[in-house]
Amino acid sequence: MKRVVISGMGVTIPEASISNEELVESFNLWVCRENLRRREQGLEPLAKSSADFIVHASGIRRRHVHTPDGILDPDRMAPRIALRDDDELSVMAEFGASAARRALDDAKVDARDVDLVICAASHLQRMYPSIGIEIQQEIGAGGAAFDLSLGCSSAAGGLHAAFNLVRSGAHRRALVVTPELITPHLNFRDRQTHFIFGDAATAILIEAVEDGAEPVGHFELVDTRNWTQFSNNIRSNFSYLNRAAEDDVSRVPSEGNLIKQQGNRVFKDVTVASHRFIVDFLAEHGHTPRTVRRFWLHQANGKMNALILKMAFGEVVDHDRAPMVLDELGNTAAAGAVVALQQNFKDMEPGDYGLLCTYGAGYSIGGALLRRL
């Protein structure tokens, strides 16, 4: 087995952002209108939201979005993204390719020297042709490409697959691209989820170390792990089968099939499982949480991350040990932990260890143990 390094990382964060206050104003205006209708029908009124509630529940203060147009319109409450012709570059591939190019520039590697591209994201624009293959073509990479989706653990899942393919010698250089264009799949009329997600794209370039050579790059990728357990507590039912379930096939239901979750159950289940995953994975390599310099955790919920780390350390852990980008970016699904990594590693000393860990729908958990070069 070959040694493997992370030689480049790239992040694309959209310029446009929406504050909690802006989001709440739009949501509450829609609620007021909806409650008039519900009162006429004898239904229970919907609860309004508040910026303070969002911060208390999640730690999020604002989120960056790929396309703001339409999101704050109470008559629409969804981004307005025009369809593109089949021979045009897709929106998702365009988003992913921007991060991929930044990772290649960071590593000073030509795309033609990449022989594997994995598009690893919680949501995919289409089933086929593969978004990964489209990104491969757009950046000019060789070899092969495919898509992988594992909820918010997709980036870690993609890294797990790429790591094992590269260290076995099946591929030489692999790009794990995570274009999380997630706001189009978010129900902005659901009080429990409308504030959670933002958009971001990331890319990690890994490559094999030649026999006898010293590893060069940002990190040596020591090992990776994946874990899954079925749960309905985070679910999206958006599918081509939605049409087949309708009597009138011209109508495709959407809103009821968007992201939904049982927040309290998810918090409890994932906190316990992630703590155990982290402790066990580190122990396999002779580590405890205290021997790891930095943790880049899934950016879903500030309270969840704080509790996972408190269970691991026996005390509160600060931003230096476990940096957060959630407050300004929202939950960027599988991209979040990679953003935290890319923005918070340059102060680490050679030989320091770090742990990338993501968790989400499935349930799924993924981890990567890194050593700073």
Protein backbone atom coordinates (compact mmCIF):
# COMPACT_ATOMS: atom_id res chain seq x y z
CA MET A 1 0.00 0.00 0.00
CA LYS A 2 1.23 3.46 -0.91
CA ARG A 3 1.30 6.49 1.38
CA VAL A 4 -1.21 9.18 0.42
CA VAL A 5 -1.13 12.96 0.84
CA ILE A 6 -3.61 15.80 0.55
CA SER A 7 -1.78 18.07 -1.86
CA GLY A 8 -4.46 20.66 -2.59
CA MET A 9 -7.75 22.07 -1.32
CA GLY A 10 -10.21 24.44 -2.95
CA VAL A 11 -13.33 26.19 -1.66
CA THR A 12 -15.97 28.27 -3.45
CA ILE A 13 -18.34 30.27 -1.26
CA PRO A 14 -21.01 32.30 -3.09
CA GLU A 15 -20.87 36.05 -2.57
CA ALA A 16 -24.57 36.50 -1.81
CA SER A 17 -25.67 35.99 1.79
CA ILE A 18 -28.94 36.14 3.71
CA SER A 19 -29.14 37.07 7.38
CA ASN A 20 -31.44 35.46 9.92
CA GLU A 21 -33.38 38.70 10.12
CA GLU A 22 -34.00 38.78 6.37
CA LEU A 23 -35.02 35.13 6.31
CA VAL A 24 -37.37 35.52 9.28
CA GLU A 25 -39.04 38.60 7.82
CA SER A 26 -39.92 36.69 4.65
CA PHE A 27 -41.00 33.57 6.54
CA ASN A 28 -43.22 35.44 8.98
CA LEU A 29 -44.91 37.39 6.21
CA TRP A 30 -45.78 34.10 4.54
CA VAL A 31 -47.01 32.68 7.88
CA CYS A 32 -49.34 35.64 8.38
CA ARG A 33 -50.86 35.08 4.95
CA GLU A 34 -51.09 31.33 5.44
CA ASN A 35 -52.73 31.67 8.86
CA LEU A 36 -55.56 33.72 7.37
CA ARG A 37 -56.31 30.80 5.08
CA ARG A 38 -55.92 28.26 7.87
CA ARG A 39 -58.29 30.19 10.15
CA GLU A 40 -60.98 30.10 7.48
CA GLN A 41 -60.54 26.31 7.31
CA GLY A 42 -60.54 25.87 11.09
CA LEU A 43 -56.88 24.74 11.17
CA GLU A 44 -54.30 25.43 13.86
CA PRO A 45 -52.15 28.50 13.08
CA LEU A 46 -48.52 28.12 12.13
CA ALA A 47 -45.86 29.46 14.51
CA LYS A 48 -43.67 32.36 13.46
CA SER A 49 -39.88 32.19 13.54
CA SER A 50 -37.32 34.58 15.03
CA ALA A 51 -33.65 35.35 14.54
CA ASP A 52 -33.00 34.59 18.22
CA PHE A 53 -34.69 31.19 17.90
CA ILE A 54 -32.44 30.32 14.94
CA VAL A 55 -29.24 31.26 16.78
CA HIS A 56 -30.36 29.38 19.90
CA ALA A 57 -31.34 26.27 17.96
CA SER A 58 -28.37 26.07 15.61
CA GLY A 59 -25.74 28.78 16.10
CA ILE A 60 -26.37 30.05 12.56
CA ARG A 61 -26.51 33.82 11.99
CA ARG A 62 -26.44 33.98 8.20
CA ARG A 63 -25.91 31.73 5.18
CA HIS A 64 -24.33 32.19 1.74
CA VAL A 65 -26.51 31.18 -1.19
CA HIS A 66 -25.73 30.36 -4.81
CA THR A 67 -28.81 32.23 -6.12
CA PRO A 68 -30.63 34.62 -3.76
CA ASP A 69 -33.28 35.64 -6.30
CA GLY A 70 -36.66 34.25 -5.21
CA ILE A 71 -35.71 32.96 -1.75
CA LEU A 72 -37.07 35.96 0.15
CA ASP A 73 -40.16 36.38 -2.03
CA PRO A 74 -43.12 35.16 0.11
CA ASP A 75 -44.95 34.17 -3.07
CA ARG A 76 -42.09 31.88 -4.15
CA MET A 77 -39.60 31.12 -1.33
CA ALA A 78 -37.20 29.18 -3.55
CA PRO A 79 -34.20 30.26 -5.62
CA ARG A 80 -34.90 31.06 -9.26
CA ILE A 81 -32.33 29.13 -11.31
CA ALA A 82 -33.01 28.88 -15.03
CA LEU A 83 -32.82 25.53 -16.79
CA ARG A 84 -29.88 25.06 -19.13
CA ASP A 85 -29.76 23.21 -22.42
CA ASP A 86 -28.34 19.71 -22.36
CA ASP A 87 -25.21 20.84 -24.19
CA GLU A 88 -24.52 23.60 -21.64
CA LEU A 89 -22.47 23.05 -18.49
CA SER A 90 -24.83 22.18 -15.64
CA VAL A 91 -25.13 24.50 -12.64
CA MET A 92 -23.83 21.88 -10.23
CA ALA A 93 -20.85 20.90 -12.40
CA GLU A 94 -19.98 24.57 -12.84
CA PHE A 95 -20.06 25.06 -9.06
CA GLY A 96 -17.94 21.98 -8.42
CA ALA A 97 -15.45 22.77 -11.18
CA SER A 98 -14.72 26.16 -9.61
CA ALA A 99 -13.61 24.49 -6.36
CA ALA A 100 -11.75 21.76 -8.29
CA ARG A 101 -9.67 24.34 -10.17
CA ARG A 102 -8.77 26.03 -6.89
CA ALA A 103 -7.60 22.74 -5.43
CA LEU A 104 -5.46 22.09 -8.52
CA ASP A 105 -3.98 25.59 -8.33
CA ASP A 106 -3.26 25.07 -4.62
CA ALA A 107 -1.38 21.85 -5.40
CA LYS A 108 0.21 23.23 -8.58
CA VAL A 109 -1.03 20.16 -10.44
CA ASP A 110 -2.31 20.07 -14.02
CA ALA A 111 -5.81 18.61 -14.40
CA ARG A 112 -4.49 16.24 -17.06
CA ASP A 113 -2.48 14.51 -14.32
CA VAL A 114 -5.64 13.68 -12.35
CA ASP A 115 -6.97 10.21 -13.14
CA LEU A 116 -10.04 10.06 -10.84
CA VAL A 117 -12.81 12.56 -10.07
CA ILE A 118 -15.47 11.77 -7.47
CA CYS A 119 -18.44 14.10 -7.14
CA ALA A 120 -19.43 13.48 -3.51
CA ALA A 121 -22.46 15.52 -2.43
CA SER A 122 -25.65 15.16 -0.42
CA HIS A 123 -27.78 16.24 -3.41
CA LEU A 124 -27.20 15.58 -7.09
CA GLN A 125 -28.73 17.64 -9.88
CA ARG A 126 -29.51 14.51 -11.92
CA MET A 127 -28.83 10.81 -12.01
CA TYR A 128 -26.98 10.66 -15.32
CA PRO A 129 -24.76 11.54 -17.03
CA SER A 130 -22.73 11.59 -13.83
CA ILE A 131 -21.98 15.08 -12.50
CA GLY A 132 -18.49 13.78 -11.71
CA ILE A 133 -17.92 12.91 -15.37
CA GLU A 134 -19.14 16.37 -16.38
CA ILE A 135 -16.70 17.99 -13.93
CA GLN A 136 -13.94 15.70 -15.25
CA GLN A 137 -14.59 16.95 -18.78
CA GLU A 138 -14.92 20.60 -17.74
CA ILE A 139 -11.55 20.75 -15.98
CA GLY A 140 -9.77 18.50 -18.48
CA ALA A 141 -8.97 15.58 -16.18
CA GLY A 142 -8.28 12.06 -17.43
CA GLY A 143 -9.04 8.61 -16.14
CA ALA A 144 -12.47 7.97 -14.65
CA ALA A 145 -15.18 9.71 -12.64
CA PHE A 146 -18.33 8.86 -10.75
CA ASP A 147 -20.88 10.26 -8.28
CA LEU A 148 -21.28 9.32 -4.64
CA SER A 149 -24.03 10.47 -2.29
CA LEU A 150 -24.13 9.75 1.44
CA GLY A 151 -25.98 12.70 2.97
CA CYS A 152 -23.79 15.11 4.88
CA SER A 153 -21.08 12.44 5.08
CA SER A 154 -20.63 12.46 1.31
CA ALA A 155 -17.28 14.29 1.26
CA ALA A 156 -15.84 11.94 3.87
CA GLY A 157 -17.32 8.99 1.98
CA GLY A 158 -15.73 10.21 -1.23
CA LEU A 159 -12.42 10.69 0.56
CA HIS A 160 -12.67 7.16 1.95
CA ALA A 161 -13.20 5.72 -1.54
CA ALA A 162 -10.48 7.86 -3.13
CA PHE A 163 -7.96 7.11 -0.38
CA ASN A 164 -8.32 3.37 -0.77
CA LEU A 165 -8.19 3.53 -4.57
CA VAL A 166 -5.06 5.67 -4.53
CA ARG A 167 -3.17 3.81 -1.83
CA SER A 168 -3.90 0.48 -3.56
CA GLY A 169 -2.39 1.80 -6.79
CA ALA A 170 -5.63 1.73 -8.80
CA HIS A 171 -5.33 5.52 -9.32
CA ARG A 172 -2.52 8.03 -8.98
CA ARG A 173 -4.30 11.31 -8.24
CA ALA A 174 -7.92 11.79 -7.21
CA LEU A 175 -10.12 14.85 -6.81
CA VAL A 176 -13.01 14.62 -4.34
CA VAL A 177 -15.37 17.42 -5.36
CA THR A 178 -18.33 18.41 -3.18
CA PRO A 179 -20.63 20.99 -4.82
CA GLU A 180 -23.36 21.50 -2.23
CA LEU A 181 -26.02 23.40 -4.13
CA ILE A 182 -28.57 22.63 -1.44
CA THR A 183 -30.84 25.69 -1.10
CA PRO A 184 -32.92 24.68 -4.17
CA HIS A 185 -33.86 21.51 -2.26
CA LEU A 186 -34.72 23.35 0.97
CA ASN A 187 -38.32 24.01 2.03
CA PHE A 188 -38.18 27.66 3.08
CA ARG A 189 -41.76 27.31 4.41
CA ASP A 190 -40.80 24.73 7.04
CA ARG A 191 -40.02 26.44 10.38
CA GLN A 192 -37.88 23.51 11.54
CA THR A 193 -35.52 23.51 8.55
CA HIS A 194 -35.88 26.77 6.58
CA PHE A 195 -32.87 28.40 8.26
CA ILE A 196 -30.43 25.49 8.25
CA PHE A 197 -28.68 25.25 4.90
CA GLY A 198 -26.37 27.35 2.78
CA ASP A 199 -24.43 26.65 -0.43
CA ALA A 200 -20.70 25.96 -0.84
CA ALA A 201 -18.42 23.87 -3.05
CA THR A 202 -15.19 22.19 -1.99
CA ALA A 203 -12.51 20.00 -3.53
CA ILE A 204 -9.67 17.92 -2.07
CA LEU A 205 -6.83 16.60 -4.22
CA ILE A 206 -5.07 13.49 -2.94
CA GLU A 207 -2.14 11.68 -4.50
CA ALA A 208 0.13 8.74 -3.90
CA VAL A 209 3.68 9.17 -2.64
CA GLU A 210 6.26 7.53 -4.84
CA ASP A 211 8.12 4.63 -3.21
CA GLY A 212 11.10 5.94 -1.28
CA ALA A 213 10.06 9.59 -1.64
CA GLU A 214 9.25 11.98 1.19
CA PRO A 215 5.58 13.01 1.31
CA VAL A 216 4.95 16.58 0.16
CA GLY A 217 1.68 18.45 0.62
CA HIS A 218 -0.55 19.81 3.35
CA PHE A 219 -1.22 16.52 5.15
CA GLU A 220 -0.48 12.85 5.04
CA LEU A 221 -3.80 11.01 4.92
CA VAL A 222 -3.23 8.36 7.59
CA ASP A 223 -6.54 6.50 7.41
CA THR A 224 -10.25 6.88 6.75
CA ARG A 225 -13.42 5.27 8.12
CA ASN A 226 -17.11 5.09 7.24
CA TRP A 227 -20.11 3.96 9.35
CA THR A 228 -23.81 3.77 8.51
CA GLN A 229 -27.05 2.83 10.23
CA PHE A 230 -30.50 3.20 8.68
CA SER A 231 -32.71 5.99 10.03
CA ASN A 232 -35.74 7.90 8.72
CA ASN A 233 -35.07 10.90 10.96
CA ILE A 234 -33.46 12.91 8.14
CA ARG A 235 -35.14 12.28 4.83
CA SER A 236 -35.73 13.63 1.33
CA ASN A 237 -38.33 11.86 -0.83
CA PHE A 238 -37.74 13.88 -3.99
CA SER A 239 -37.61 11.27 -6.77
CA TYR A 240 -38.70 10.33 -10.26
CA LEU A 241 -41.06 7.90 -8.53
CA ASN A 242 -43.07 10.87 -7.19
CA ARG A 243 -44.58 11.20 -10.67
CA ALA A 244 -45.47 7.50 -10.83
CA ALA A 245 -47.44 7.83 -7.60
CA GLU A 246 -49.76 10.51 -9.02
CA ASP A 247 -53.10 9.87 -10.72
CA ASP A 248 -52.43 12.98 -12.80
CA VAL A 249 -48.86 12.43 -14.01
CA SER A 250 -48.67 16.02 -15.29
CA ARG A 251 -48.46 17.08 -11.65
CA VAL A 252 -45.24 16.38 -9.77
CA PRO A 253 -45.50 17.07 -6.01
CA SER A 254 -42.41 18.75 -4.62
CA GLU A 255 -42.75 20.68 -1.37
CA GLY A 256 -43.78 17.70 0.73
CA ASN A 257 -40.85 15.68 -0.63
CA LEU A 258 -38.12 18.15 0.25
CA ILE A 259 -35.76 17.91 3.23
CA LYS A 260 -37.39 17.06 6.54
CA GLN A 261 -36.03 15.87 9.84
CA GLN A 262 -36.92 14.98 13.41
CA GLY A 263 -34.49 17.44 14.94
CA ASN A 264 -34.51 16.28 18.56
CA ARG A 265 -34.08 12.62 17.60
CA VAL A 266 -31.29 13.43 15.17
CA PHE A 267 -29.48 15.51 17.80
CA LYS A 268 -29.57 12.71 20.38
CA ASP A 269 -28.78 9.80 18.05
CA VAL A 270 -26.01 11.47 16.07
CA THR A 271 -24.30 13.01 19.11
CA VAL A 272 -23.95 9.62 20.81
CA ALA A 273 -22.93 7.77 17.64
CA SER A 274 -20.40 10.41 16.54
CA HIS A 275 -18.73 10.54 19.94
CA ARG A 276 -18.29 6.77 19.92
CA PHE A 277 -17.07 6.79 16.28
CA ILE A 278 -14.41 9.44 17.04
CA VAL A 279 -13.11 7.75 20.19
CA ASP A 280 -12.97 4.29 18.60
CA PHE A 281 -11.38 5.47 15.33
CA LEU A 282 -8.66 7.40 17.16
CA ALA A 283 -7.99 4.47 19.50
CA GLU A 284 -7.32 2.20 16.51
CA HIS A 285 -4.33 4.45 15.74
CA GLY A 286 -3.10 4.89 19.30
CA HIS A 287 -4.70 8.29 19.79
CA THR A 288 -7.12 9.88 22.21
CA PRO A 289 -8.95 13.15 21.57
CA ARG A 290 -6.27 14.96 23.59
CA THR A 291 -3.48 13.81 21.26
CA VAL A 292 -5.25 15.35 18.26
CA ARG A 293 -4.42 19.00 17.63
CA ARG A 294 -7.52 19.96 15.67
CA PHE A 295 -10.99 18.68 14.86
CA TRP A 296 -12.85 19.73 11.72
CA LEU A 297 -16.37 18.55 12.40
CA HIS A 298 -19.53 18.61 10.31
CA GLN A 299 -20.94 22.13 10.42
CA ALA A 300 -24.57 21.32 11.20
CA ASN A 301 -25.26 22.51 14.72
CA GLY A 302 -23.05 24.36 17.16
CA LYS A 303 -24.58 22.74 20.24
CA MET A 304 -24.17 19.26 18.79
CA ASN A 305 -20.47 19.76 18.06
CA ALA A 306 -19.89 21.29 21.49
CA LEU A 307 -21.55 18.31 23.20
CA ILE A 308 -19.68 15.70 21.11
CA LEU A 309 -16.38 17.30 22.03
CA LYS A 310 -17.30 17.80 25.69
CA MET A 311 -18.11 14.08 25.90
CA ALA A 312 -14.73 13.30 24.32
CA PHE A 313 -12.61 15.75 26.33
CA GLY A 314 -14.58 16.02 29.56
CA GLU A 315 -14.58 19.80 29.17
CA VAL A 316 -15.64 22.56 26.80
CA VAL A 317 -13.44 22.80 23.68
CA ASP A 318 -12.76 26.17 22.05
CA HIS A 319 -12.66 27.38 18.45
CA ASP A 320 -8.91 26.80 18.21
CA ARG A 321 -9.32 23.08 18.85
CA ALA A 322 -12.51 22.71 16.81
CA PRO A 323 -13.09 25.66 14.45
CA MET A 324 -16.62 26.58 13.40
CA VAL A 325 -17.71 28.25 10.16
CA LEU A 326 -21.39 27.48 10.73
CA ASP A 327 -22.38 30.89 12.07
CA GLU A 328 -21.57 32.70 8.82
CA LEU A 329 -22.17 29.94 6.24
CA GLY A 330 -25.02 27.90 7.68
CA ASN A 331 -24.98 24.14 7.28
CA THR A 332 -23.30 23.57 3.93
CA ALA A 333 -23.98 19.83 4.20
CA ALA A 334 -21.03 17.64 3.14
CA ALA A 335 -18.91 20.69 2.27
CA GLY A 336 -18.90 22.25 5.76
CA ALA A 337 -16.15 20.24 7.43
CA VAL A 338 -13.91 20.67 4.39
CA VAL A 339 -14.43 24.45 4.51
CA ALA A 340 -13.47 24.39 8.20
CA LEU A 341 -10.36 22.37 7.29
CA GLN A 342 -9.29 24.59 4.41
CA GLN A 343 -9.70 27.76 6.48
CA ASN A 344 -8.06 26.45 9.66
CA PHE A 345 -4.89 24.41 9.20
CA LYS A 346 -1.94 26.64 8.30
CA ASP A 347 -1.00 27.34 11.92
CA MET A 348 -0.53 23.62 12.69
CA GLU A 349 2.99 22.32 13.31
CA PRO A 350 4.54 19.48 11.27
CA GLY A 351 3.59 16.21 12.90
CA ASP A 352 0.35 17.54 14.40
CA TYR A 353 -2.67 15.29 13.94
CA GLY A 354 -6.12 16.41 12.92
CA LEU A 355 -9.45 14.66 12.47
CA LEU A 356 -12.02 15.45 9.80
CA CYS A 357 -15.39 14.00 10.85
CA THR A 358 -18.82 14.32 9.27
CA TYR A 359 -22.23 12.93 10.19
CA GLY A 360 -25.71 13.12 8.80
CA ALA A 361 -28.56 11.40 7.01
CA GLY A 362 -28.48 7.67 6.72
CA TYR A 363 -27.41 7.80 9.51
CA SER A 364 -23.85 8.05 8.20
CA ILE A 365 -20.54 9.04 9.76
CA GLY A 366 -17.20 9.47 8.02
CA GLY A 367 -13.75 10.28 9.33
CA ALA A 368 -10.23 10.97 8.08
CA LEU A 369 -7.14 11.06 10.30
CA LEU A 370 -4.57 13.55 9.00
CA ARG A 371 -0.95 14.32 9.90
CA ARG A 372 0.41 17.77 9.12
CA LEU A 373 3.42 17.79 6.81
